[in-house]
Amino acid sequence: MRENQVADPLDCVAVRTYVRGVGDILQTLQRRYGELEIDLAWSRLLMRQNRTRARLEVIDEQLAELTQERRQLAGENRRLQSAKAALIDDMVERVRTRHNEGWSPTPVVGYRVWGIVDDLVLGATGHRWATPVMAAECAGARPDDDLPHTDHLCSTVGHGCGIYAAARPSLVAPQATNWILGIVLLSGKVVEHEHGFRAAHARVAGVVAHGGGRRLVTDDADMIERLFIEPGETLDEVGEVGHALEGTELIEAVEGLERSMDRWTSANNNG
């Protein structure tokens, strides 16, 4: 039989049947004629077979013990795996807490201001926001990095990469003639600083905008998207004529938007 070739069960049965038959014949002849001259090769074969059977019995006992031990070790490995996962989660949470970063199940509310320049919506660093939704980028990021970074090595501007937002609307006063002040919902990895946040993702949920002698206060998603795509045309068409809001008047407009957003969210959740 070639190596690794499985024996035919019928052949094994035939061999066992033949051996038993030969043994029966020898016993019959021994009873009939007394002691027989046993061939030396036959004696050696029987001795080897006895040793093989004894070894098989030992191996069977060892296999039973190993099988039981394996079941016990497999159960222990599952418990250790669960404990390791819990410990990793705890270590990650402690590191994130130490560096003021976290993953919130609900969006973190922040505030930003943009300038409207040549009918484009530009952030403080000159980055264009063509839509009210933005994801953080970093030139020094690896494919598996969670942004924003917290090692302070990726940027010489501020605290590093990420989408910035202030913690209070009073911290983001518009400086240009044409501007948008937005309520932004921050999600993904959010790093907290003394006066605001850096986040992986941001979505503008409400705006107070002014340009060309017109202003717009809205939390309508379609209107906000239109404003970011074509700010000048949108203000001309749907903005109301009026002075630019500032100071207490501006803060009250933002707070009114937040109350409206809260009512919409509550009604949506109850529905």
C-alpha atoms as a PDB file:
ATOM      1  CA  MET A   1       0.000   0.000   0.000  1.00  0.00           C
ATOM      2  CA  ARG A   2       1.369   3.438  -0.898  1.00  0.00           C
ATOM      3  CA  GLU A   3       2.072   5.950   1.894  1.00  0.00           C
ATOM      4  CA  ASN A   4      -1.031   7.919   3.014  1.00  0.00           C
ATOM      5  CA  GLN A   5      -3.292   5.484   1.124  1.00  0.00           C
ATOM      6  CA  VAL A   6      -6.296   4.480   3.242  1.00  0.00           C
ATOM      7  CA  ALA A   7      -6.729   0.707   3.571  1.00  0.00           C
ATOM      8  CA  ASP A   8      -9.840  -0.850   2.161  1.00  0.00           C
ATOM      9  CA  PRO A   9     -12.029  -1.913   5.135  1.00  0.00           C
ATOM     10  CA  LEU A  10     -13.015  -5.096   3.255  1.00  0.00           C
ATOM     11  CA  ASP A  11      -9.346  -6.059   2.936  1.00  0.00           C
ATOM     12  CA  CYS A  12      -8.861  -5.592   6.711  1.00  0.00           C
ATOM     13  CA  VAL A  13     -11.877  -7.777   7.441  1.00  0.00           C
ATOM     14  CA  ALA A  14     -10.567 -10.447   5.073  1.00  0.00           C
ATOM     15  CA  VAL A  15      -7.144 -10.488   6.780  1.00  0.00           C
ATOM     16  CA  ARG A  16      -8.671 -10.801  10.262  1.00  0.00           C
ATOM     17  CA  THR A  17     -10.957 -13.597   9.067  1.00  0.00           C
ATOM     18  CA  TYR A  18      -7.993 -15.430   7.507  1.00  0.00           C
ATOM     19  CA  VAL A  19      -5.852 -15.140  10.669  1.00  0.00           C
ATOM     20  CA  ARG A  20      -8.681 -16.417  12.865  1.00  0.00           C
ATOM     21  CA  GLY A  21      -9.168 -19.337  10.442  1.00  0.00           C
ATOM     22  CA  VAL A  22      -5.476 -20.281  10.584  1.00  0.00           C
ATOM     23  CA  GLY A  23      -5.527 -20.150  14.373  1.00  0.00           C
ATOM     24  CA  ASP A  24      -8.549 -22.433  14.520  1.00  0.00           C
ATOM     25  CA  ILE A  25      -6.815 -24.947  12.233  1.00  0.00           C
ATOM     26  CA  LEU A  26      -3.659 -24.923  14.371  1.00  0.00           C
ATOM     27  CA  GLN A  27      -5.690 -25.484  17.543  1.00  0.00           C
ATOM     28  CA  THR A  28      -7.503 -28.406  15.877  1.00  0.00           C
ATOM     29  CA  LEU A  29      -4.204 -29.997  14.785  1.00  0.00           C
ATOM     30  CA  GLN A  30      -2.706 -29.477  18.252  1.00  0.00           C
ATOM     31  CA  ARG A  31      -5.631 -31.276  19.895  1.00  0.00           C
ATOM     32  CA  ARG A  32      -5.348 -34.071  17.336  1.00  0.00           C
ATOM     33  CA  TYR A  33      -1.583 -34.610  17.312  1.00  0.00           C
ATOM     34  CA  GLY A  34      -0.268 -32.948  20.442  1.00  0.00           C
ATOM     35  CA  GLU A  35       2.481 -30.369  20.442  1.00  0.00           C
ATOM     36  CA  LEU A  36       3.270 -28.883  17.062  1.00  0.00           C
ATOM     37  CA  GLU A  37       6.512 -27.512  15.765  1.00  0.00           C
ATOM     38  CA  ILE A  38       5.832 -23.780  15.672  1.00  0.00           C
ATOM     39  CA  ASP A  39       7.611 -21.925  12.938  1.00  0.00           C
ATOM     40  CA  LEU A  40      10.019 -19.299  14.331  1.00  0.00           C
ATOM     41  CA  ALA A  41       8.642 -16.604  11.993  1.00  0.00           C
ATOM     42  CA  TRP A  42       5.147 -17.310  13.308  1.00  0.00           C
ATOM     43  CA  SER A  43       6.300 -16.950  16.905  1.00  0.00           C
ATOM     44  CA  ARG A  44       8.025 -13.667  16.154  1.00  0.00           C
ATOM     45  CA  LEU A  45       4.939 -12.371  14.368  1.00  0.00           C
ATOM     46  CA  LEU A  46       2.741 -13.207  17.349  1.00  0.00           C
ATOM     47  CA  MET A  47       5.164 -11.466  19.727  1.00  0.00           C
ATOM     48  CA  ARG A  48       5.221  -8.340  17.570  1.00  0.00           C
ATOM     49  CA  GLN A  49       1.444  -8.359  17.332  1.00  0.00           C
ATOM     50  CA  ASN A  50       1.102  -8.613  21.122  1.00  0.00           C
ATOM     51  CA  ARG A  51       3.523  -5.724  21.596  1.00  0.00           C
ATOM     52  CA  THR A  52       1.632  -3.671  18.995  1.00  0.00           C
ATOM     53  CA  ARG A  53      -1.708  -4.335  20.689  1.00  0.00           C
ATOM     54  CA  ALA A  54      -0.257  -3.374  24.064  1.00  0.00           C
ATOM     55  CA  ARG A  55       1.123  -0.154  22.596  1.00  0.00           C
ATOM     56  CA  LEU A  56      -2.222   0.625  20.956  1.00  0.00           C
ATOM     57  CA  GLU A  57      -3.958   0.230  24.311  1.00  0.00           C
ATOM     58  CA  VAL A  58      -1.501   2.674  25.892  1.00  0.00           C
ATOM     59  CA  ILE A  59      -1.977   5.174  23.074  1.00  0.00           C
ATOM     60  CA  ASP A  60      -5.772   4.880  23.322  1.00  0.00           C
ATOM     61  CA  GLU A  61      -5.553   5.690  27.041  1.00  0.00           C
ATOM     62  CA  GLN A  62      -3.252   8.645  26.323  1.00  0.00           C
ATOM     63  CA  LEU A  63      -5.575   9.918  23.585  1.00  0.00           C
ATOM     64  CA  ALA A  64      -8.530   9.794  25.967  1.00  0.00           C
ATOM     65  CA  GLU A  65      -6.549  11.770  28.540  1.00  0.00           C
ATOM     66  CA  LEU A  66      -5.344  14.260  25.901  1.00  0.00           C
ATOM     67  CA  THR A  67      -8.881  14.705  24.555  1.00  0.00           C
ATOM     68  CA  GLN A  68     -10.148  15.517  28.035  1.00  0.00           C
ATOM     69  CA  GLU A  69      -7.224  17.888  28.661  1.00  0.00           C
ATOM     70  CA  ARG A  70      -7.843  19.588  25.317  1.00  0.00           C
ATOM     71  CA  ARG A  71     -11.483  20.230  26.184  1.00  0.00           C
ATOM     72  CA  GLN A  72     -10.402  21.771  29.489  1.00  0.00           C
ATOM     73  CA  LEU A  73      -7.706  23.903  27.831  1.00  0.00           C
ATOM     74  CA  ALA A  74     -10.107  25.070  25.100  1.00  0.00           C
ATOM     75  CA  GLY A  75     -12.548  26.271  27.747  1.00  0.00           C
ATOM     76  CA  GLU A  76      -9.750  28.016  29.635  1.00  0.00           C
ATOM     77  CA  ASN A  77      -8.535  29.657  26.411  1.00  0.00           C
ATOM     78  CA  ARG A  78     -12.012  31.055  25.749  1.00  0.00           C
ATOM     79  CA  ARG A  79     -12.133  32.523  29.261  1.00  0.00           C
ATOM     80  CA  LEU A  80      -8.650  34.027  28.858  1.00  0.00           C
ATOM     81  CA  GLN A  81      -9.622  35.506  25.470  1.00  0.00           C
ATOM     82  CA  SER A  82     -12.631  37.218  27.023  1.00  0.00           C
ATOM     83  CA  ALA A  83     -10.502  38.525  29.888  1.00  0.00           C
ATOM     84  CA  LYS A  84      -7.883  39.820  27.403  1.00  0.00           C
ATOM     85  CA  ALA A  85     -10.512  41.639  25.346  1.00  0.00           C
ATOM     86  CA  ALA A  86     -11.918  43.273  28.493  1.00  0.00           C
ATOM     87  CA  LEU A  87      -8.424  44.306  29.615  1.00  0.00           C
ATOM     88  CA  ILE A  88      -7.621  45.793  26.194  1.00  0.00           C
ATOM     89  CA  ASP A  89     -10.878  47.778  26.257  1.00  0.00           C
ATOM     90  CA  ASP A  90      -9.974  49.075  29.718  1.00  0.00           C
ATOM     91  CA  MET A  91      -6.445  50.079  28.672  1.00  0.00           C
ATOM     92  CA  VAL A  92      -7.728  51.810  25.511  1.00  0.00           C
ATOM     93  CA  GLU A  93     -10.337  53.690  27.524  1.00  0.00           C
ATOM     94  CA  ARG A  94      -7.736  54.847  30.076  1.00  0.00           C
ATOM     95  CA  VAL A  95      -5.403  56.068  27.309  1.00  0.00           C
ATOM     96  CA  ARG A  96      -8.238  57.928  25.562  1.00  0.00           C
ATOM     97  CA  THR A  97      -9.365  59.462  28.841  1.00  0.00           C
ATOM     98  CA  ARG A  98      -5.806  60.609  29.584  1.00  0.00           C
ATOM     99  CA  HIS A  99      -5.621  62.308  26.174  1.00  0.00           C
ATOM    100  CA  ASN A 100      -9.155  63.750  26.372  1.00  0.00           C
ATOM    101  CA  GLU A 101     -10.490  61.747  23.455  1.00  0.00           C
ATOM    102  CA  GLY A 102     -13.647  59.716  23.314  1.00  0.00           C
ATOM    103  CA  TRP A 103     -16.295  58.009  21.200  1.00  0.00           C
ATOM    104  CA  SER A 104     -19.691  59.402  22.045  1.00  0.00           C
ATOM    105  CA  PRO A 105     -22.850  57.382  21.277  1.00  0.00           C
ATOM    106  CA  THR A 106     -24.548  60.707  20.492  1.00  0.00           C
ATOM    107  CA  PRO A 107     -23.015  63.596  18.501  1.00  0.00           C
ATOM    108  CA  VAL A 108     -21.115  66.286  20.387  1.00  0.00           C
ATOM    109  CA  VAL A 109     -22.436  69.792  19.691  1.00  0.00           C
ATOM    110  CA  GLY A 110     -19.934  72.435  18.667  1.00  0.00           C
ATOM    111  CA  TYR A 111     -19.866  75.792  16.858  1.00  0.00           C
ATOM    112  CA  ARG A 112     -17.915  77.041  13.823  1.00  0.00           C
ATOM    113  CA  VAL A 113     -17.731  80.117  11.650  1.00  0.00           C
ATOM    114  CA  TRP A 114     -16.944  80.270   7.919  1.00  0.00           C
ATOM    115  CA  GLY A 115     -16.279  83.151   5.594  1.00  0.00           C
ATOM    116  CA  ILE A 116     -18.048  83.551   2.220  1.00  0.00           C
ATOM    117  CA  VAL A 117     -15.366  84.540  -0.314  1.00  0.00           C
ATOM    118  CA  ASP A 118     -15.976  84.626  -4.088  1.00  0.00           C
ATOM    119  CA  ASP A 119     -19.151  82.604  -3.551  1.00  0.00           C
ATOM    120  CA  LEU A 120     -17.209  79.872  -1.724  1.00  0.00           C
ATOM    121  CA  VAL A 121     -17.565  78.784   1.909  1.00  0.00           C
ATOM    122  CA  LEU A 122     -14.099  78.779   3.490  1.00  0.00           C
ATOM    123  CA  GLY A 123     -12.947  77.681   6.946  1.00  0.00           C
ATOM    124  CA  ALA A 124     -10.428  79.552   9.107  1.00  0.00           C
ATOM    125  CA  THR A 125      -7.457  77.878   7.359  1.00  0.00           C
ATOM    126  CA  GLY A 126      -8.850  78.544   3.860  1.00  0.00           C
ATOM    127  CA  HIS A 127     -10.190  75.010   3.360  1.00  0.00           C
ATOM    128  CA  ARG A 128     -13.340  74.972   1.256  1.00  0.00           C
ATOM    129  CA  TRP A 129     -16.512  73.361   2.580  1.00  0.00           C
ATOM    130  CA  ALA A 130     -18.442  72.418  -0.554  1.00  0.00           C
ATOM    131  CA  THR A 131     -21.046  70.561   1.524  1.00  0.00           C
ATOM    132  CA  PRO A 132     -22.204  70.798   5.137  1.00  0.00           C
ATOM    133  CA  VAL A 133     -20.658  67.393   5.864  1.00  0.00           C
ATOM    134  CA  MET A 134     -16.914  66.981   6.367  1.00  0.00           C
ATOM    135  CA  ALA A 135     -14.473  64.198   7.333  1.00  0.00           C
ATOM    136  CA  ALA A 136     -11.071  64.908   8.869  1.00  0.00           C
ATOM    137  CA  GLU A 137      -7.907  64.328   6.815  1.00  0.00           C
ATOM    138  CA  CYS A 138      -4.227  64.281   7.706  1.00  0.00           C
ATOM    139  CA  ALA A 139      -1.234  64.113   5.356  1.00  0.00           C
ATOM    140  CA  GLY A 140       0.720  62.164   7.962  1.00  0.00           C
ATOM    141  CA  ALA A 141      -1.944  59.533   8.619  1.00  0.00           C
ATOM    142  CA  ARG A 142      -1.444  55.808   8.125  1.00  0.00           C
ATOM    143  CA  PRO A 143      -4.299  53.721   6.664  1.00  0.00           C
ATOM    144  CA  ASP A 144      -5.262  52.303  10.072  1.00  0.00           C
ATOM    145  CA  ASP A 145      -5.043  55.602  12.012  1.00  0.00           C
ATOM    146  CA  ASP A 146      -7.984  56.990  13.955  1.00  0.00           C
ATOM    147  CA  LEU A 147      -8.259  60.701  13.245  1.00  0.00           C
ATOM    148  CA  PRO A 148      -7.760  63.193  14.714  1.00  0.00           C
ATOM    149  CA  HIS A 149      -4.258  62.393  16.011  1.00  0.00           C
ATOM    150  CA  THR A 150      -3.377  62.992  19.639  1.00  0.00           C
ATOM    151  CA  ASP A 151       0.431  62.736  19.384  1.00  0.00           C
ATOM    152  CA  HIS A 152       0.823  66.472  18.498  1.00  0.00           C
ATOM    153  CA  LEU A 153       3.234  65.579  15.665  1.00  0.00           C
ATOM    154  CA  CYS A 154       1.000  65.835  12.596  1.00  0.00           C
ATOM    155  CA  SER A 155       0.533  69.602  12.416  1.00  0.00           C
ATOM    156  CA  THR A 156       2.029  72.892  13.530  1.00  0.00           C
ATOM    157  CA  VAL A 157      -1.428  74.507  13.509  1.00  0.00           C
ATOM    158  CA  GLY A 158      -3.407  74.452  16.745  1.00  0.00           C
ATOM    159  CA  HIS A 159      -3.571  71.048  18.393  1.00  0.00           C
ATOM    160  CA  GLY A 160      -3.192  69.007  15.204  1.00  0.00           C
ATOM    161  CA  CYS A 161      -5.482  67.507  12.597  1.00  0.00           C
ATOM    162  CA  GLY A 162      -9.253  67.205  12.857  1.00  0.00           C
ATOM    163  CA  ILE A 163     -12.358  69.316  12.384  1.00  0.00           C
ATOM    164  CA  TYR A 164     -12.333  72.109  14.950  1.00  0.00           C
ATOM    165  CA  ALA A 165     -15.384  73.437  16.754  1.00  0.00           C
ATOM    166  CA  ALA A 166     -15.816  75.713  19.760  1.00  0.00           C
ATOM    167  CA  ALA A 167     -17.611  74.576  22.889  1.00  0.00           C
ATOM    168  CA  ARG A 168     -19.770  77.746  23.056  1.00  0.00           C
ATOM    169  CA  PRO A 169     -21.183  80.026  20.348  1.00  0.00           C
ATOM    170  CA  SER A 170     -19.781  83.092  22.101  1.00  0.00           C
ATOM    171  CA  LEU A 171     -16.263  81.845  21.203  1.00  0.00           C
ATOM    172  CA  VAL A 172     -16.809  82.111  17.421  1.00  0.00           C
ATOM    173  CA  ALA A 173     -17.543  85.726  16.489  1.00  0.00           C
ATOM    174  CA  PRO A 174     -17.695  86.351  12.704  1.00  0.00           C
ATOM    175  CA  GLN A 175     -14.884  88.580  11.422  1.00  0.00           C
ATOM    176  CA  ALA A 176     -15.812  89.005   7.733  1.00  0.00           C
ATOM    177  CA  THR A 177     -18.698  90.895   6.110  1.00  0.00           C
ATOM    178  CA  ASN A 178     -20.188  87.755   4.596  1.00  0.00           C
ATOM    179  CA  TRP A 179     -20.196  84.745   6.889  1.00  0.00           C
ATOM    180  CA  ILE A 180     -21.916  81.619   8.199  1.00  0.00           C
ATOM    181  CA  LEU A 181     -22.036  80.627  11.845  1.00  0.00           C
ATOM    182  CA  GLY A 182     -23.005  76.972  12.205  1.00  0.00           C
ATOM    183  CA  ILE A 183     -24.084  74.507  14.840  1.00  0.00           C
ATOM    184  CA  VAL A 184     -22.094  71.358  14.037  1.00  0.00           C
ATOM    185  CA  LEU A 185     -22.669  67.799  15.228  1.00  0.00           C
ATOM    186  CA  LEU A 186     -19.320  66.092  15.852  1.00  0.00           C
ATOM    187  CA  SER A 187     -18.983  62.311  15.675  1.00  0.00           C
ATOM    188  CA  GLY A 188     -16.421  59.515  15.449  1.00  0.00           C
ATOM    189  CA  LYS A 189     -13.279  60.173  17.457  1.00  0.00           C
ATOM    190  CA  VAL A 190     -13.731  63.453  19.342  1.00  0.00           C
ATOM    191  CA  VAL A 191     -10.858  65.053  21.256  1.00  0.00           C
ATOM    192  CA  GLU A 192     -11.787  67.617  23.883  1.00  0.00           C
ATOM    193  CA  HIS A 193      -9.679  70.731  24.557  1.00  0.00           C
ATOM    194  CA  GLU A 194     -10.068  73.656  26.929  1.00  0.00           C
ATOM    195  CA  HIS A 195     -12.347  75.708  24.677  1.00  0.00           C
ATOM    196  CA  GLY A 196     -13.591  73.204  22.117  1.00  0.00           C
ATOM    197  CA  PHE A 197     -13.119  69.984  20.221  1.00  0.00           C
ATOM    198  CA  ARG A 198     -11.389  68.248  17.322  1.00  0.00           C
ATOM    199  CA  ALA A 199     -13.417  65.554  15.589  1.00  0.00           C
ATOM    200  CA  ALA A 200     -13.253  62.909  12.878  1.00  0.00           C
ATOM    201  CA  HIS A 201     -16.597  63.886  11.336  1.00  0.00           C
ATOM    202  CA  ALA A 202     -18.839  66.958  11.386  1.00  0.00           C
ATOM    203  CA  ARG A 203     -22.268  67.804  10.027  1.00  0.00           C
ATOM    204  CA  VAL A 204     -23.736  71.313  10.022  1.00  0.00           C
ATOM    205  CA  ALA A 205     -27.189  71.095  11.602  1.00  0.00           C
ATOM    206  CA  GLY A 206     -28.136  74.760  11.882  1.00  0.00           C
ATOM    207  CA  VAL A 207     -26.865  78.081  10.518  1.00  0.00           C
ATOM    208  CA  VAL A 208     -27.047  81.809  10.981  1.00  0.00           C
ATOM    209  CA  ALA A 209     -25.688  83.387   7.783  1.00  0.00           C
ATOM    210  CA  HIS A 210     -25.229  86.907   6.433  1.00  0.00           C
ATOM    211  CA  GLY A 211     -24.131  88.220   3.059  1.00  0.00           C
ATOM    212  CA  GLY A 212     -25.055  90.910   0.573  1.00  0.00           C
ATOM    213  CA  GLY A 213     -27.260  92.693   3.102  1.00  0.00           C
ATOM    214  CA  ARG A 214     -29.360  89.548   3.673  1.00  0.00           C
ATOM    215  CA  ARG A 215     -29.443  87.003   6.468  1.00  0.00           C
ATOM    216  CA  LEU A 216     -30.665  83.452   6.861  1.00  0.00           C
ATOM    217  CA  VAL A 217     -31.434  81.491  10.025  1.00  0.00           C
ATOM    218  CA  THR A 218     -32.376  77.864   9.407  1.00  0.00           C
ATOM    219  CA  ASP A 219     -32.009  74.262  10.481  1.00  0.00           C
ATOM    220  CA  ASP A 220     -33.486  72.878   7.250  1.00  0.00           C
ATOM    221  CA  ALA A 221     -31.008  70.307   5.882  1.00  0.00           C
ATOM    222  CA  ASP A 222     -31.782  70.986   2.214  1.00  0.00           C
ATOM    223  CA  MET A 223     -31.457  74.725   2.688  1.00  0.00           C
ATOM    224  CA  ILE A 224     -28.146  74.318   4.545  1.00  0.00           C
ATOM    225  CA  GLU A 225     -26.739  72.120   1.779  1.00  0.00           C
ATOM    226  CA  ARG A 226     -27.818  74.666  -0.844  1.00  0.00           C
ATOM    227  CA  LEU A 227     -26.177  77.447   1.175  1.00  0.00           C
ATOM    228  CA  PHE A 228     -22.824  75.656   1.226  1.00  0.00           C
ATOM    229  CA  ILE A 229     -22.944  74.906  -2.505  1.00  0.00           C
ATOM    230  CA  GLU A 230     -24.041  78.395  -3.650  1.00  0.00           C
ATOM    231  CA  PRO A 231     -23.963  80.774  -0.675  1.00  0.00           C
ATOM    232  CA  GLY A 232     -24.425  84.048  -2.582  1.00  0.00           C
ATOM    233  CA  GLU A 233     -27.326  82.891  -4.736  1.00  0.00           C
ATOM    234  CA  THR A 234     -29.027  81.184  -1.792  1.00  0.00           C
ATOM    235  CA  LEU A 235     -28.879  84.287   0.380  1.00  0.00           C
ATOM    236  CA  ASP A 236     -30.142  86.435  -2.494  1.00  0.00           C
ATOM    237  CA  GLU A 237     -33.119  84.158  -3.118  1.00  0.00           C
ATOM    238  CA  VAL A 238     -34.239  83.071   0.373  1.00  0.00           C
ATOM    239  CA  GLY A 239     -32.448  85.405   2.794  1.00  0.00           C
ATOM    240  CA  GLU A 240     -34.343  88.248   4.381  1.00  0.00           C
ATOM    241  CA  VAL A 241     -33.096  91.800   4.131  1.00  0.00           C
ATOM    242  CA  GLY A 242     -31.532  92.878   7.404  1.00  0.00           C
ATOM    243  CA  HIS A 243     -28.393  93.793   9.279  1.00  0.00           C
ATOM    244  CA  ALA A 244     -25.825  91.232  10.364  1.00  0.00           C
ATOM    245  CA  LEU A 245     -26.632  89.732  13.737  1.00  0.00           C
ATOM    246  CA  GLU A 246     -23.973  90.128  16.384  1.00  0.00           C
ATOM    247  CA  GLY A 247     -23.415  89.938  20.120  1.00  0.00           C
ATOM    248  CA  THR A 248     -26.420  88.981  22.221  1.00  0.00           C
ATOM    249  CA  GLU A 249     -28.723  89.058  19.206  1.00  0.00           C
ATOM    250  CA  LEU A 250     -26.561  86.464  17.427  1.00  0.00           C
ATOM    251  CA  ILE A 251     -26.354  84.199  20.489  1.00  0.00           C
ATOM    252  CA  GLU A 252     -30.147  84.333  20.889  1.00  0.00           C
ATOM    253  CA  ALA A 253     -30.599  83.319  17.244  1.00  0.00           C
ATOM    254  CA  VAL A 254     -28.295  80.324  17.754  1.00  0.00           C
ATOM    255  CA  GLU A 255     -30.089  79.315  20.939  1.00  0.00           C
ATOM    256  CA  GLY A 256     -33.419  79.563  19.126  1.00  0.00           C
ATOM    257  CA  LEU A 257     -32.094  77.233  16.447  1.00  0.00           C
ATOM    258  CA  GLU A 258     -30.978  74.741  19.088  1.00  0.00           C
ATOM    259  CA  ARG A 259     -34.408  74.749  20.720  1.00  0.00           C
ATOM    260  CA  SER A 260     -35.983  74.114  17.322  1.00  0.00           C
ATOM    261  CA  MET A 261     -33.531  71.277  16.663  1.00  0.00           C
ATOM    262  CA  ASP A 262     -34.279  69.756  20.087  1.00  0.00           C
ATOM    263  CA  ARG A 263     -38.040  69.797  19.386  1.00  0.00           C
ATOM    264  CA  TRP A 264     -37.506  68.172  15.983  1.00  0.00           C
ATOM    265  CA  THR A 265     -35.217  65.494  17.466  1.00  0.00           C
ATOM    266  CA  SER A 266     -37.639  64.727  20.313  1.00  0.00           C
ATOM    267  CA  ALA A 267     -40.608  64.458  17.943  1.00  0.00           C
ATOM    268  CA  ASN A 268     -38.586  62.239  15.604  1.00  0.00           C
ATOM    269  CA  ASN A 269     -37.529  59.927  18.432  1.00  0.00           C
ATOM    270  CA  ASN A 270     -41.088  59.639  19.763  1.00  0.00           C
ATOM    271  CA  GLY A 271     -42.393  58.820  16.301  1.00  0.00           C
END
